[in-house]
């Protein structure tokens, strides 16, 4: 029997795939990749004789059929997902179906786009005295969101919020965040295609950001970050303070 690996491709930069993920791509007999999101440059790691399928034009039954036939033919299969497959990756239904068919698989994590966004912004999401919480969420669209997880409800925490899959509804996002408790002058950053060569960054406040990106073609593959950490004063971490002792260092003061 062959093998199946569900691999996180990372946010876009081909070098941000994990070492293990790159190795599995190089060893694969079959690669099924999310062509609408995964950069084709990642396929350069594949062998010339590798069978490559773009899942953007495939249904779930077709993906599963391709995997099943490949495994039966003793082939190594990589199912390549964008970012980290555990976040909005739609992999649970695939994993459950593989389990039902008796096909074993491994999952290899990847660098999520919300982390690549922090790198692009050169920003730490968890600053002492500002916030120690990061909320990963999305606005309701074709996929429903439970009422208790609405942007309006989550905004009450006023922590760092990374909002996926919502740029087309930015005005609604802003309205919900302000209604939920964020002040209109709360900083916001929008990063399109974080880590890609065409990466773009826009900054503003909840009250200005819609006008800031108007007419600039900001659409898919975009992360919205709302947080007081963006340009905020903060307390220094105690971890490196001279008077702070821990298991690896004694206080020097």
C-alpha atoms as a PDB file:
ATOM      1  CA  UNK A   1       0.000   0.000   0.000  1.00  0.00           C
ATOM      2  CA  UNK A   2       1.028   3.566  -0.631  1.00  0.00           C
ATOM      3  CA  UNK A   3       0.961   6.464   1.803  1.00  0.00           C
ATOM      4  CA  UNK A   4      -0.919   9.735   2.211  1.00  0.00           C
ATOM      5  CA  UNK A   5       0.404  12.961   3.726  1.00  0.00           C
ATOM      6  CA  UNK A   6      -1.702  16.079   4.184  1.00  0.00           C
ATOM      7  CA  UNK A   7       0.859  18.877   4.037  1.00  0.00           C
ATOM      8  CA  UNK A   8       0.634  22.562   4.919  1.00  0.00           C
ATOM      9  CA  UNK A   9       2.250  24.522   2.089  1.00  0.00           C
ATOM     10  CA  UNK A  10       2.799  27.654   4.139  1.00  0.00           C
ATOM     11  CA  UNK A  11       1.553  31.155   3.302  1.00  0.00           C
ATOM     12  CA  UNK A  12       3.039  31.562  -0.170  1.00  0.00           C
ATOM     13  CA  UNK A  13       6.816  31.940  -0.084  1.00  0.00           C
ATOM     14  CA  UNK A  14       8.058  28.521  -1.310  1.00  0.00           C
ATOM     15  CA  UNK A  15      10.834  28.602   1.295  1.00  0.00           C
ATOM     16  CA  UNK A  16       8.292  28.790   4.123  1.00  0.00           C
ATOM     17  CA  UNK A  17       7.172  25.200   3.705  1.00  0.00           C
ATOM     18  CA  UNK A  18       8.595  22.971   6.431  1.00  0.00           C
ATOM     19  CA  UNK A  19      11.670  20.833   5.764  1.00  0.00           C
ATOM     20  CA  UNK A  20       9.482  17.754   6.176  1.00  0.00           C
ATOM     21  CA  UNK A  21       6.881  19.107   3.778  1.00  0.00           C
ATOM     22  CA  UNK A  22       9.534  19.819   1.166  1.00  0.00           C
ATOM     23  CA  UNK A  23      10.944  16.315   1.535  1.00  0.00           C
ATOM     24  CA  UNK A  24       7.521  14.736   1.112  1.00  0.00           C
ATOM     25  CA  UNK A  25       6.908  16.774  -2.051  1.00  0.00           C
ATOM     26  CA  UNK A  26      10.239  15.578  -3.444  1.00  0.00           C
ATOM     27  CA  UNK A  27       9.355  11.959  -2.663  1.00  0.00           C
ATOM     28  CA  UNK A  28       5.745  12.061  -3.865  1.00  0.00           C
ATOM     29  CA  UNK A  29       4.422  10.015  -6.760  1.00  0.00           C
ATOM     30  CA  UNK A  30       1.177  12.012  -6.716  1.00  0.00           C
ATOM     31  CA  UNK A  31       0.517  15.592  -5.585  1.00  0.00           C
ATOM     32  CA  UNK A  32      -2.972  17.038  -5.262  1.00  0.00           C
ATOM     33  CA  UNK A  33      -2.672  20.741  -4.576  1.00  0.00           C
ATOM     34  CA  UNK A  34      -5.110  23.583  -3.960  1.00  0.00           C
ATOM     35  CA  UNK A  35      -4.308  25.424  -7.160  1.00  0.00           C
ATOM     36  CA  UNK A  36      -6.347  28.517  -6.413  1.00  0.00           C
ATOM     37  CA  UNK A  37      -4.219  29.261  -3.340  1.00  0.00           C
ATOM     38  CA  UNK A  38      -0.953  27.305  -3.377  1.00  0.00           C
ATOM     39  CA  UNK A  39       1.838  28.907  -5.455  1.00  0.00           C
ATOM     40  CA  UNK A  40       2.918  26.730  -8.379  1.00  0.00           C
ATOM     41  CA  UNK A  41       6.541  27.412  -7.410  1.00  0.00           C
ATOM     42  CA  UNK A  42       6.112  24.786  -4.686  1.00  0.00           C
ATOM     43  CA  UNK A  43       5.673  22.178  -7.391  1.00  0.00           C
ATOM     44  CA  UNK A  44       9.298  22.771  -8.387  1.00  0.00           C
ATOM     45  CA  UNK A  45      10.167  20.489  -5.456  1.00  0.00           C
ATOM     46  CA  UNK A  46       8.342  17.613  -7.171  1.00  0.00           C
ATOM     47  CA  UNK A  47       9.969  14.967  -9.352  1.00  0.00           C
ATOM     48  CA  UNK A  48       9.551  15.288 -13.111  1.00  0.00           C
ATOM     49  CA  UNK A  49       7.563  12.045 -13.240  1.00  0.00           C
ATOM     50  CA  UNK A  50       5.204  13.053 -10.412  1.00  0.00           C
ATOM     51  CA  UNK A  51       1.474  13.056 -11.216  1.00  0.00           C
ATOM     52  CA  UNK A  52       0.083  16.485 -10.328  1.00  0.00           C
ATOM     53  CA  UNK A  53      -3.591  17.328  -9.879  1.00  0.00           C
ATOM     54  CA  UNK A  54      -5.135  20.738  -9.265  1.00  0.00           C
ATOM     55  CA  UNK A  55      -7.960  20.244  -6.767  1.00  0.00           C
ATOM     56  CA  UNK A  56      -9.495  23.631  -7.634  1.00  0.00           C
ATOM     57  CA  UNK A  57     -11.313  21.887 -10.482  1.00  0.00           C
ATOM     58  CA  UNK A  58     -12.050  18.675  -8.558  1.00  0.00           C
ATOM     59  CA  UNK A  59     -14.924  17.683  -6.283  1.00  0.00           C
ATOM     60  CA  UNK A  60     -14.326  15.956  -2.949  1.00  0.00           C
ATOM     61  CA  UNK A  61     -15.301  12.515  -4.375  1.00  0.00           C
ATOM     62  CA  UNK A  62     -12.825  13.041  -7.233  1.00  0.00           C
ATOM     63  CA  UNK A  63     -10.040  13.966  -4.810  1.00  0.00           C
ATOM     64  CA  UNK A  64     -10.775  10.905  -2.667  1.00  0.00           C
ATOM     65  CA  UNK A  65     -10.968   8.634  -5.694  1.00  0.00           C
ATOM     66  CA  UNK A  66      -7.570   9.862  -6.906  1.00  0.00           C
ATOM     67  CA  UNK A  67      -6.052   9.280  -3.476  1.00  0.00           C
ATOM     68  CA  UNK A  68      -7.599   5.817  -3.115  1.00  0.00           C
ATOM     69  CA  UNK A  69      -6.468   4.608  -6.534  1.00  0.00           C
ATOM     70  CA  UNK A  70      -2.970   5.969  -5.981  1.00  0.00           C
ATOM     71  CA  UNK A  71      -2.635   4.260  -2.597  1.00  0.00           C
ATOM     72  CA  UNK A  72      -3.873   0.966  -4.065  1.00  0.00           C
ATOM     73  CA  UNK A  73      -1.118   1.294  -6.676  1.00  0.00           C
ATOM     74  CA  UNK A  74       1.476   1.675  -3.899  1.00  0.00           C
ATOM     75  CA  UNK A  75       2.098   5.365  -4.596  1.00  0.00           C
ATOM     76  CA  UNK A  76       3.075   8.127  -2.181  1.00  0.00           C
ATOM     77  CA  UNK A  77       0.431  10.858  -2.173  1.00  0.00           C
ATOM     78  CA  UNK A  78       0.751  14.435  -0.923  1.00  0.00           C
ATOM     79  CA  UNK A  79      -2.414  16.464  -0.448  1.00  0.00           C
ATOM     80  CA  UNK A  80      -1.024  20.009  -0.427  1.00  0.00           C
ATOM     81  CA  UNK A  81      -3.060  22.684   1.353  1.00  0.00           C
ATOM     82  CA  UNK A  82      -2.348  26.378   1.736  1.00  0.00           C
ATOM     83  CA  UNK A  83      -1.016  27.763   5.037  1.00  0.00           C
ATOM     84  CA  UNK A  84      -1.630  25.351   7.881  1.00  0.00           C
ATOM     85  CA  UNK A  85      -4.288  22.799   6.940  1.00  0.00           C
ATOM     86  CA  UNK A  86      -5.954  22.927  10.366  1.00  0.00           C
ATOM     87  CA  UNK A  87      -7.183  26.518   9.886  1.00  0.00           C
ATOM     88  CA  UNK A  88      -9.993  26.856   7.329  1.00  0.00           C
ATOM     89  CA  UNK A  89      -8.395  23.988   5.427  1.00  0.00           C
ATOM     90  CA  UNK A  90     -11.546  21.889   4.913  1.00  0.00           C
ATOM     91  CA  UNK A  91      -9.494  18.796   5.714  1.00  0.00           C
ATOM     92  CA  UNK A  92     -11.679  17.207   8.376  1.00  0.00           C
ATOM     93  CA  UNK A  93     -14.120  15.836   5.830  1.00  0.00           C
ATOM     94  CA  UNK A  94     -11.212  14.460   3.819  1.00  0.00           C
ATOM     95  CA  UNK A  95      -9.613  12.839   6.863  1.00  0.00           C
ATOM     96  CA  UNK A  96     -12.917  11.317   7.976  1.00  0.00           C
ATOM     97  CA  UNK A  97     -13.497   9.888   4.505  1.00  0.00           C
ATOM     98  CA  UNK A  98      -9.991   8.407   4.417  1.00  0.00           C
ATOM     99  CA  UNK A  99     -10.564   6.843   7.820  1.00  0.00           C
ATOM    100  CA  UNK A 100     -13.846   5.321   6.594  1.00  0.00           C
ATOM    101  CA  UNK A 101     -11.982   3.812   3.644  1.00  0.00           C
ATOM    102  CA  UNK A 102      -9.302   2.401   5.934  1.00  0.00           C
ATOM    103  CA  UNK A 103      -6.596   4.605   4.435  1.00  0.00           C
ATOM    104  CA  UNK A 104      -3.986   5.808   6.917  1.00  0.00           C
ATOM    105  CA  UNK A 105      -2.566   9.312   6.622  1.00  0.00           C
ATOM    106  CA  UNK A 106      -0.236  11.786   8.311  1.00  0.00           C
ATOM    107  CA  UNK A 107      -0.683  15.528   8.737  1.00  0.00           C
ATOM    108  CA  UNK A 108       2.259  17.922   8.426  1.00  0.00           C
ATOM    109  CA  UNK A 109       1.619  21.417   9.823  1.00  0.00           C
ATOM    110  CA  UNK A 110       2.481  24.558   7.906  1.00  0.00           C
ATOM    111  CA  UNK A 111       3.111  28.247   8.568  1.00  0.00           C
ATOM    112  CA  UNK A 112      -0.287  29.941   8.669  1.00  0.00           C
ATOM    113  CA  UNK A 113      -0.940  33.192   6.834  1.00  0.00           C
ATOM    114  CA  UNK A 114      -1.788  34.944  10.108  1.00  0.00           C
ATOM    115  CA  UNK A 115       1.796  34.289  11.219  1.00  0.00           C
ATOM    116  CA  UNK A 116       3.238  35.400   7.882  1.00  0.00           C
ATOM    117  CA  UNK A 117       1.145  38.540   8.283  1.00  0.00           C
ATOM    118  CA  UNK A 118       2.772  39.283  11.648  1.00  0.00           C
ATOM    119  CA  UNK A 119       6.169  38.869  10.016  1.00  0.00           C
ATOM    120  CA  UNK A 120       5.195  41.205   7.172  1.00  0.00           C
ATOM    121  CA  UNK A 121       4.017  43.803   9.671  1.00  0.00           C
ATOM    122  CA  UNK A 122       7.103  43.256  11.853  1.00  0.00           C
ATOM    123  CA  UNK A 123       4.658  43.033  14.716  1.00  0.00           C
ATOM    124  CA  UNK A 124       4.259  40.904  17.842  1.00  0.00           C
ATOM    125  CA  UNK A 125       0.605  40.094  18.446  1.00  0.00           C
ATOM    126  CA  UNK A 126       0.916  39.666  22.230  1.00  0.00           C
ATOM    127  CA  UNK A 127       2.428  42.691  23.940  1.00  0.00           C
ATOM    128  CA  UNK A 128       2.581  42.922  27.753  1.00  0.00           C
ATOM    129  CA  UNK A 129       0.106  45.422  29.120  1.00  0.00           C
ATOM    130  CA  UNK A 130      -1.787  45.548  25.798  1.00  0.00           C
ATOM    131  CA  UNK A 131      -3.073  42.054  25.064  1.00  0.00           C
ATOM    132  CA  UNK A 132      -2.026  38.461  25.617  1.00  0.00           C
ATOM    133  CA  UNK A 133      -4.700  36.914  23.409  1.00  0.00           C
ATOM    134  CA  UNK A 134      -5.011  36.325  19.673  1.00  0.00           C
ATOM    135  CA  UNK A 135      -8.415  35.526  18.183  1.00  0.00           C
ATOM    136  CA  UNK A 136      -8.453  33.798  14.802  1.00  0.00           C
ATOM    137  CA  UNK A 137     -11.831  34.159  13.150  1.00  0.00           C
ATOM    138  CA  UNK A 138     -13.795  35.153  10.056  1.00  0.00           C
ATOM    139  CA  UNK A 139     -16.922  37.097   9.198  1.00  0.00           C
ATOM    140  CA  UNK A 140     -19.998  35.153   8.266  1.00  0.00           C
ATOM    141  CA  UNK A 141     -20.362  34.562   4.554  1.00  0.00           C
ATOM    142  CA  UNK A 142     -21.381  31.435   2.667  1.00  0.00           C
ATOM    143  CA  UNK A 143     -20.033  29.523   5.670  1.00  0.00           C
ATOM    144  CA  UNK A 144     -22.159  30.307   8.746  1.00  0.00           C
ATOM    145  CA  UNK A 145     -20.630  31.467  12.027  1.00  0.00           C
ATOM    146  CA  UNK A 146     -22.237  30.642  15.400  1.00  0.00           C
ATOM    147  CA  UNK A 147     -23.863  33.696  17.035  1.00  0.00           C
ATOM    148  CA  UNK A 148     -21.579  33.411  20.049  1.00  0.00           C
ATOM    149  CA  UNK A 149     -18.583  33.774  17.685  1.00  0.00           C
ATOM    150  CA  UNK A 150     -19.811  36.760  15.711  1.00  0.00           C
ATOM    151  CA  UNK A 151     -17.330  39.587  15.224  1.00  0.00           C
ATOM    152  CA  UNK A 152     -19.568  41.754  17.388  1.00  0.00           C
ATOM    153  CA  UNK A 153     -19.343  39.260  20.259  1.00  0.00           C
ATOM    154  CA  UNK A 154     -15.601  38.662  19.941  1.00  0.00           C
ATOM    155  CA  UNK A 155     -14.843  42.381  19.740  1.00  0.00           C
ATOM    156  CA  UNK A 156     -15.787  42.732  23.399  1.00  0.00           C
ATOM    157  CA  UNK A 157     -12.405  41.188  24.308  1.00  0.00           C
ATOM    158  CA  UNK A 158     -10.494  43.977  22.513  1.00  0.00           C
ATOM    159  CA  UNK A 159      -7.616  41.568  21.983  1.00  0.00           C
ATOM    160  CA  UNK A 160      -5.639  41.046  18.775  1.00  0.00           C
ATOM    161  CA  UNK A 161      -7.993  39.746  16.119  1.00  0.00           C
ATOM    162  CA  UNK A 162      -6.826  38.086  12.889  1.00  0.00           C
ATOM    163  CA  UNK A 163      -9.717  37.915  10.467  1.00  0.00           C
ATOM    164  CA  UNK A 164      -9.550  35.478   7.556  1.00  0.00           C
ATOM    165  CA  UNK A 165     -11.680  35.312   4.398  1.00  0.00           C
ATOM    166  CA  UNK A 166     -13.490  38.595   4.977  1.00  0.00           C
ATOM    167  CA  UNK A 167     -11.875  41.352   2.912  1.00  0.00           C
ATOM    168  CA  UNK A 168     -14.826  41.510   0.482  1.00  0.00           C
ATOM    169  CA  UNK A 169     -17.028  42.410   3.462  1.00  0.00           C
ATOM    170  CA  UNK A 170     -14.681  44.962   5.041  1.00  0.00           C
ATOM    171  CA  UNK A 171     -17.297  47.650   5.635  1.00  0.00           C
ATOM    172  CA  UNK A 172     -19.488  45.120   7.442  1.00  0.00           C
ATOM    173  CA  UNK A 173     -16.481  43.867   9.422  1.00  0.00           C
ATOM    174  CA  UNK A 174     -15.662  47.404  10.565  1.00  0.00           C
ATOM    175  CA  UNK A 175     -19.273  48.075  11.508  1.00  0.00           C
ATOM    176  CA  UNK A 176     -19.501  44.887  13.577  1.00  0.00           C
ATOM    177  CA  UNK A 177     -16.194  45.482  15.359  1.00  0.00           C
ATOM    178  CA  UNK A 178     -17.147  49.002  16.390  1.00  0.00           C
ATOM    179  CA  UNK A 179     -20.602  47.849  17.483  1.00  0.00           C
ATOM    180  CA  UNK A 180     -18.925  45.151  19.569  1.00  0.00           C
ATOM    181  CA  UNK A 181     -16.641  47.470  21.518  1.00  0.00           C
ATOM    182  CA  UNK A 182     -13.573  48.484  19.497  1.00  0.00           C
ATOM    183  CA  UNK A 183     -13.145  52.259  19.372  1.00  0.00           C
ATOM    184  CA  UNK A 184     -13.289  53.828  15.862  1.00  0.00           C
ATOM    185  CA  UNK A 185      -9.628  54.866  16.226  1.00  0.00           C
ATOM    186  CA  UNK A 186      -8.462  51.279  16.868  1.00  0.00           C
ATOM    187  CA  UNK A 187      -5.498  50.480  14.585  1.00  0.00           C
ATOM    188  CA  UNK A 188      -6.048  48.036  11.747  1.00  0.00           C
ATOM    189  CA  UNK A 189      -3.700  46.533   9.178  1.00  0.00           C
ATOM    190  CA  UNK A 190      -4.540  44.721   5.969  1.00  0.00           C
ATOM    191  CA  UNK A 191      -1.941  42.468   4.379  1.00  0.00           C
ATOM    192  CA  UNK A 192      -2.588  41.051   0.943  1.00  0.00           C
ATOM    193  CA  UNK A 193      -0.666  37.905  -0.035  1.00  0.00           C
ATOM    194  CA  UNK A 194       1.651  37.891   2.966  1.00  0.00           C
ATOM    195  CA  UNK A 195       5.114  36.506   2.020  1.00  0.00           C
ATOM    196  CA  UNK A 196       4.340  36.508  -1.737  1.00  0.00           C
ATOM    197  CA  UNK A 197       6.442  38.722  -4.060  1.00  0.00           C
ATOM    198  CA  UNK A 198       3.338  40.893  -4.643  1.00  0.00           C
ATOM    199  CA  UNK A 199       2.672  41.382  -0.919  1.00  0.00           C
ATOM    200  CA  UNK A 200       0.948  44.683  -0.055  1.00  0.00           C
ATOM    201  CA  UNK A 201       0.303  46.325   3.320  1.00  0.00           C
ATOM    202  CA  UNK A 202      -2.307  48.932   4.203  1.00  0.00           C
ATOM    203  CA  UNK A 203      -2.657  50.578   7.606  1.00  0.00           C
ATOM    204  CA  UNK A 204      -5.263  52.802   9.180  1.00  0.00           C
ATOM    205  CA  UNK A 205      -7.955  52.811  11.836  1.00  0.00           C
ATOM    206  CA  UNK A 206     -11.382  51.237  11.845  1.00  0.00           C
ATOM    207  CA  UNK A 207     -12.815  54.606  10.818  1.00  0.00           C
ATOM    208  CA  UNK A 208     -10.386  55.168   7.897  1.00  0.00           C
ATOM    209  CA  UNK A 209      -9.431  51.780   6.467  1.00  0.00           C
ATOM    210  CA  UNK A 210     -12.309  51.342   4.000  1.00  0.00           C
ATOM    211  CA  UNK A 211     -11.423  54.602   2.289  1.00  0.00           C
ATOM    212  CA  UNK A 212      -7.710  53.721   2.470  1.00  0.00           C
ATOM    213  CA  UNK A 213      -8.083  50.600   0.307  1.00  0.00           C
ATOM    214  CA  UNK A 214     -10.873  51.857  -1.936  1.00  0.00           C
ATOM    215  CA  UNK A 215     -10.103  51.239  -5.607  1.00  0.00           C
ATOM    216  CA  UNK A 216      -6.806  49.476  -4.890  1.00  0.00           C
ATOM    217  CA  UNK A 217      -7.841  45.982  -5.912  1.00  0.00           C
ATOM    218  CA  UNK A 218      -7.493  44.403  -2.488  1.00  0.00           C
ATOM    219  CA  UNK A 219      -9.359  41.137  -2.696  1.00  0.00           C
ATOM    220  CA  UNK A 220      -8.537  37.478  -2.098  1.00  0.00           C
ATOM    221  CA  UNK A 221      -5.719  36.045   0.018  1.00  0.00           C
ATOM    222  CA  UNK A 222      -5.865  38.953   2.440  1.00  0.00           C
ATOM    223  CA  UNK A 223      -5.577  39.058   6.238  1.00  0.00           C
ATOM    224  CA  UNK A 224      -7.212  41.701   8.418  1.00  0.00           C
ATOM    225  CA  UNK A 225      -5.518  42.435  11.756  1.00  0.00           C
ATOM    226  CA  UNK A 226      -7.250  44.598  14.343  1.00  0.00           C
ATOM    227  CA  UNK A 227      -5.347  45.336  17.531  1.00  0.00           C
ATOM    228  CA  UNK A 228      -3.999  47.979  19.872  1.00  0.00           C
ATOM    229  CA  UNK A 229      -0.573  46.311  19.495  1.00  0.00           C
ATOM    230  CA  UNK A 230      -0.236  48.036  16.111  1.00  0.00           C
ATOM    231  CA  UNK A 231       1.906  51.033  16.983  1.00  0.00           C
ATOM    232  CA  UNK A 232       1.148  50.812  20.691  1.00  0.00           C
ATOM    233  CA  UNK A 233       3.198  51.631  23.767  1.00  0.00           C
ATOM    234  CA  UNK A 234       3.737  48.478  25.819  1.00  0.00           C
ATOM    235  CA  UNK A 235       5.440  47.094  28.890  1.00  0.00           C
ATOM    236  CA  UNK A 236       8.757  45.328  28.398  1.00  0.00           C
ATOM    237  CA  UNK A 237       8.714  41.557  28.723  1.00  0.00           C
ATOM    238  CA  UNK A 238       9.877  40.239  32.083  1.00  0.00           C
ATOM    239  CA  UNK A 239      11.604  37.299  30.389  1.00  0.00           C
ATOM    240  CA  UNK A 240      14.800  39.248  29.661  1.00  0.00           C
ATOM    241  CA  UNK A 241      14.670  41.735  32.517  1.00  0.00           C
ATOM    242  CA  UNK A 242      17.933  41.729  34.576  1.00  0.00           C
ATOM    243  CA  UNK A 243      16.044  41.343  37.869  1.00  0.00           C
ATOM    244  CA  UNK A 244      13.932  38.433  36.606  1.00  0.00           C
ATOM    245  CA  UNK A 245      15.047  34.899  37.516  1.00  0.00           C
ATOM    246  CA  UNK A 246      13.938  31.737  35.752  1.00  0.00           C
ATOM    247  CA  UNK A 247      15.123  28.160  35.298  1.00  0.00           C
ATOM    248  CA  UNK A 248      17.956  29.141  32.959  1.00  0.00           C
ATOM    249  CA  UNK A 249      19.188  32.399  34.475  1.00  0.00           C
ATOM    250  CA  UNK A 250      19.570  34.006  37.889  1.00  0.00           C
ATOM    251  CA  UNK A 251      18.644  37.613  38.447  1.00  0.00           C
ATOM    252  CA  UNK A 252      21.642  39.966  38.177  1.00  0.00           C
ATOM    253  CA  UNK A 253      20.126  42.778  40.277  1.00  0.00           C
END
